[in-house]
N, C-alpha and C. Protein backbone atom coordinates (compact mmCIF):
# COMPACT_ATOMS: atom_id res chain seq x y z
N MET A 1 44.92 -12.73 4.01
CA MET A 1 45.24 -11.64 3.05
C MET A 1 44.71 -10.34 3.48
N ALA A 2 45.89 -9.42 3.63
CA ALA A 2 45.75 -7.94 4.25
C ALA A 2 45.21 -7.07 3.10
N ASP A 3 44.23 -6.31 3.65
CA ASP A 3 43.84 -5.23 2.68
C ASP A 3 44.47 -4.03 2.56
N LYS A 4 44.26 -2.97 1.84
CA LYS A 4 44.87 -1.61 1.68
C LYS A 4 45.11 -1.02 3.13
N LYS A 5 44.47 -1.23 4.09
CA LYS A 5 44.76 -0.58 5.32
C LYS A 5 45.54 -1.67 6.47
N GLY A 6 45.73 -2.85 5.67
CA GLY A 6 46.57 -3.44 6.87
C GLY A 6 45.56 -4.78 7.39
N ASN A 7 44.45 -4.66 7.48
CA ASN A 7 43.51 -5.28 8.16
C ASN A 7 43.53 -6.62 7.49
N GLN A 8 43.42 -7.61 8.36
CA GLN A 8 43.71 -9.08 7.94
C GLN A 8 42.21 -9.80 7.80
N GLY A 9 41.27 -9.31 6.94
CA GLY A 9 39.85 -9.71 6.79
C GLY A 9 38.94 -9.58 7.74
N ASP A 10 39.29 -8.82 8.88
CA ASP A 10 38.25 -8.52 9.65
C ASP A 10 37.19 -7.44 9.22
N THR A 11 35.88 -7.85 9.23
CA THR A 11 35.11 -6.98 8.63
C THR A 11 34.18 -6.53 9.62
N SER A 12 33.57 -5.28 9.58
CA SER A 12 32.70 -4.59 10.58
C SER A 12 31.20 -5.76 10.43
N ASN A 13 30.86 -5.80 11.54
CA ASN A 13 29.40 -6.61 11.56
C ASN A 13 28.27 -5.27 11.53
N ARG A 14 28.73 -4.32 11.22
CA ARG A 14 27.60 -3.18 11.33
C ARG A 14 27.38 -2.62 9.87
N GLY A 15 26.24 -1.95 9.59
CA GLY A 15 26.10 -1.46 8.46
C GLY A 15 25.30 -2.04 7.20
N PHE A 16 24.79 -1.57 6.28
CA PHE A 16 24.06 -2.10 5.24
C PHE A 16 24.91 -3.06 4.34
N ALA A 17 26.34 -2.83 4.15
CA ALA A 17 27.10 -3.71 3.23
C ALA A 17 27.33 -5.02 4.17
N SER A 18 27.02 -4.88 5.36
CA SER A 18 27.71 -6.41 5.93
C SER A 18 26.37 -7.28 6.17
N MET A 19 25.30 -6.79 5.88
CA MET A 19 24.00 -7.53 5.84
C MET A 19 24.22 -8.55 4.84
N ASP A 20 23.41 -9.75 4.92
CA ASP A 20 23.43 -10.80 3.80
C ASP A 20 22.39 -10.23 2.98
N ASP A 21 22.55 -10.87 1.63
CA ASP A 21 21.70 -10.15 0.39
C ASP A 21 20.26 -10.09 0.67
N GLU A 22 19.67 -11.01 1.29
CA GLU A 22 18.14 -11.19 1.59
C GLU A 22 17.73 -9.96 2.38
N LYS A 23 18.55 -9.76 3.45
CA LYS A 23 18.08 -8.46 4.19
C LYS A 23 18.26 -7.13 3.60
N GLN A 24 19.01 -7.25 2.61
CA GLN A 24 19.40 -5.79 2.02
C GLN A 24 18.23 -5.64 0.79
N ARG A 25 17.93 -6.71 0.37
CA ARG A 25 16.76 -6.78 -0.53
C ARG A 25 15.53 -6.36 0.09
N GLU A 26 15.31 -6.73 1.27
CA GLU A 26 14.02 -6.43 2.06
C GLU A 26 14.13 -5.13 2.39
N ILE A 27 14.95 -4.49 2.86
CA ILE A 27 15.10 -3.12 3.34
C ILE A 27 14.93 -2.17 1.99
N ALA A 28 15.65 -2.64 0.87
CA ALA A 28 15.45 -1.76 -0.28
C ALA A 28 14.07 -1.80 -0.95
N ARG A 29 13.42 -2.94 -0.70
CA ARG A 29 11.81 -3.29 -0.96
C ARG A 29 10.93 -2.38 -0.46
N LYS A 30 11.10 -2.11 0.83
CA LYS A 30 10.38 -1.44 1.87
C LYS A 30 10.64 0.16 1.40
N GLY A 31 11.86 0.45 1.04
CA GLY A 31 12.06 1.88 0.67
C GLY A 31 11.40 2.20 -0.43
N GLY A 32 11.37 1.29 -1.47
CA GLY A 32 10.75 1.40 -2.70
C GLY A 32 9.22 1.53 -2.49
N GLU A 33 8.67 0.80 -1.65
CA GLU A 33 7.37 0.80 -1.53
C GLU A 33 6.71 1.99 -0.79
N GLU A 34 7.54 2.62 0.14
CA GLU A 34 7.45 3.95 0.85
C GLU A 34 7.40 5.05 -0.28
N VAL A 35 8.36 4.95 -1.03
CA VAL A 35 8.69 6.19 -1.98
C VAL A 35 7.58 6.03 -3.06
N SER A 36 6.96 5.14 -3.43
CA SER A 36 5.81 4.86 -4.30
C SER A 36 4.58 5.18 -3.96
N LYS A 37 4.43 5.42 -2.68
CA LYS A 37 3.09 5.92 -2.08
C LYS A 37 3.08 7.28 -2.34
N ASN A 38 4.10 8.07 -2.50
CA ASN A 38 3.92 9.58 -2.66
C ASN A 38 3.72 9.68 -4.25
N ARG A 39 2.57 9.91 -4.69
CA ARG A 39 2.01 9.92 -6.13
C ARG A 39 2.90 11.35 -6.79
N GLU A 40 2.79 12.44 -5.99
CA GLU A 40 3.41 13.62 -6.46
C GLU A 40 4.92 13.37 -6.82
N HIS A 41 5.75 12.88 -5.97
CA HIS A 41 7.07 12.48 -6.02
C HIS A 41 7.15 11.61 -7.08
N MET A 42 6.33 10.52 -7.36
CA MET A 42 6.43 9.58 -8.45
C MET A 42 6.37 10.33 -9.76
N ALA A 43 5.31 11.27 -9.88
CA ALA A 43 4.86 11.99 -11.03
C ALA A 43 6.29 12.86 -11.50
N GLU A 44 6.97 13.50 -10.31
CA GLU A 44 7.92 14.23 -10.73
C GLU A 44 9.22 13.60 -11.35
N ILE A 45 9.30 12.32 -10.80
CA ILE A 45 10.53 11.45 -11.23
C ILE A 45 10.10 10.91 -12.79
N GLY A 46 8.87 10.77 -13.02
CA GLY A 46 8.73 10.34 -14.12
C GLY A 46 8.76 11.47 -15.31
N LYS A 47 8.27 12.66 -14.84
CA LYS A 47 8.58 13.84 -15.65
C LYS A 47 10.08 14.02 -16.10
N LYS A 48 10.82 13.92 -15.13
CA LYS A 48 12.28 14.24 -15.15
C LYS A 48 12.78 12.98 -15.98
N GLY A 49 12.22 11.86 -16.19
CA GLY A 49 12.82 10.92 -16.89
C GLY A 49 12.33 11.04 -18.44
N GLY A 50 11.24 11.37 -18.57
CA GLY A 50 10.59 11.97 -19.92
C GLY A 50 11.27 12.91 -20.59
N GLU A 51 11.69 14.25 -19.78
CA GLU A 51 12.48 15.12 -20.32
C GLU A 51 13.85 14.61 -20.70
N GLU A 52 14.63 13.65 -20.09
CA GLU A 52 15.64 13.42 -20.41
C GLU A 52 15.69 12.40 -21.76
N VAL A 53 14.82 11.45 -21.77
CA VAL A 53 14.57 10.79 -22.91
C VAL A 53 14.35 11.54 -24.23
N SER A 54 13.38 12.79 -23.89
CA SER A 54 13.19 13.32 -25.16
C SER A 54 14.11 14.14 -25.66
N LYS A 55 15.41 14.38 -24.85
CA LYS A 55 16.34 14.93 -25.38
C LYS A 55 17.14 14.42 -26.47
N ASN A 56 17.10 12.97 -26.50
CA ASN A 56 17.74 12.23 -27.38
C ASN A 56 16.77 12.13 -28.96
N ARG A 57 17.05 12.78 -29.78
CA ARG A 57 16.18 12.94 -30.83
C ARG A 57 15.95 11.70 -31.82
N GLU A 58 17.21 11.09 -31.60
CA GLU A 58 17.22 9.81 -32.50
C GLU A 58 16.37 8.82 -31.95
N HIS A 59 16.44 8.55 -30.69
CA HIS A 59 15.68 7.89 -30.03
C HIS A 59 14.14 7.91 -30.40
N MET A 60 13.71 9.37 -29.92
CA MET A 60 12.55 10.01 -30.37
C MET A 60 11.93 9.58 -31.79
N ALA A 61 12.85 9.71 -32.45
CA ALA A 61 12.55 9.48 -34.01
C ALA A 61 12.18 8.02 -34.19
N GLU A 62 12.84 7.23 -33.53
CA GLU A 62 12.67 5.55 -33.77
C GLU A 62 11.38 5.35 -32.99
N ILE A 63 11.01 5.88 -32.03
CA ILE A 63 9.79 5.45 -31.46
C ILE A 63 8.55 5.89 -32.04
N GLY A 64 8.76 7.33 -32.91
CA GLY A 64 7.73 7.74 -33.68
C GLY A 64 7.56 6.74 -34.67
N LYS A 65 8.83 6.48 -35.37
CA LYS A 65 8.60 5.45 -36.65
C LYS A 65 7.89 3.91 -36.48
N LYS A 66 8.17 3.59 -34.99
CA LYS A 66 7.69 2.27 -34.70
C LYS A 66 6.13 2.50 -34.28
N GLY A 67 5.72 3.48 -33.91
CA GLY A 67 4.29 3.86 -33.89
C GLY A 67 3.44 4.17 -35.05
N GLY A 68 4.19 4.69 -36.07
CA GLY A 68 3.58 4.63 -37.23
C GLY A 68 3.42 3.36 -38.28
N GLU A 69 4.45 2.53 -38.00
CA GLU A 69 4.45 1.06 -38.41
C GLU A 69 3.34 0.16 -37.62
N SER A 70 3.04 0.51 -36.70
CA SER A 70 2.15 -0.48 -35.89
C SER A 70 0.67 0.07 -35.98
N SER A 71 0.72 1.32 -36.41
CA SER A 71 -0.80 1.92 -36.75
C SER A 71 -1.22 1.80 -38.42
N GLY A 72 -0.13 0.83 -39.14
CA GLY A 72 -0.37 0.54 -40.51
C GLY A 72 0.01 1.79 -41.26
N GLY A 73 0.62 2.77 -40.79
CA GLY A 73 1.11 3.86 -41.70
C GLY A 73 -0.17 4.89 -42.20
N ASN A 74 -1.46 4.50 -41.71
CA ASN A 74 -2.60 5.04 -42.50
C ASN A 74 -2.87 6.56 -41.58
N ARG A 75 -2.13 7.06 -40.70
CA ARG A 75 -2.52 8.21 -39.99
C ARG A 75 -3.26 9.16 -40.89
N GLY A 76 -4.43 9.53 -40.47
CA GLY A 76 -5.15 10.68 -41.18
C GLY A 76 -5.54 10.12 -42.57
N ASN A 77 -5.61 9.08 -43.10
CA ASN A 77 -6.07 8.53 -44.24
C ASN A 77 -7.21 7.55 -44.15
N ASN A 78 -8.02 7.55 -43.06
CA ASN A 78 -9.28 6.89 -42.92
C ASN A 78 -10.24 7.03 -43.96
N LYS A 79 -10.21 6.23 -45.07
CA LYS A 79 -11.34 6.50 -45.96
C LYS A 79 -12.58 5.93 -45.62
N SER A 80 -12.93 5.41 -44.26
CA SER A 80 -14.27 4.90 -43.94
C SER A 80 -14.98 5.99 -43.42
N ARG A 81 -14.57 7.38 -43.25
CA ARG A 81 -15.39 8.28 -42.89
C ARG A 81 -16.24 8.84 -43.64
């Protein structure tokens, strides 16, 4: 069957996409390991993610509600002091 360019299924044996799945995973894993060694870079990624998540006020309210429920809802009302 011909593709849009008229090729008859001939695929290049070059490039990332032509590699088998296991080889792709191996390369991706090595890249992830290298990136995670740079603590400043990882901190910056985390900070950006936190900023994005905190823009969603509904999501943040839900997190706060769950936190209050797990603490028993007694924040500031500890009578044992």
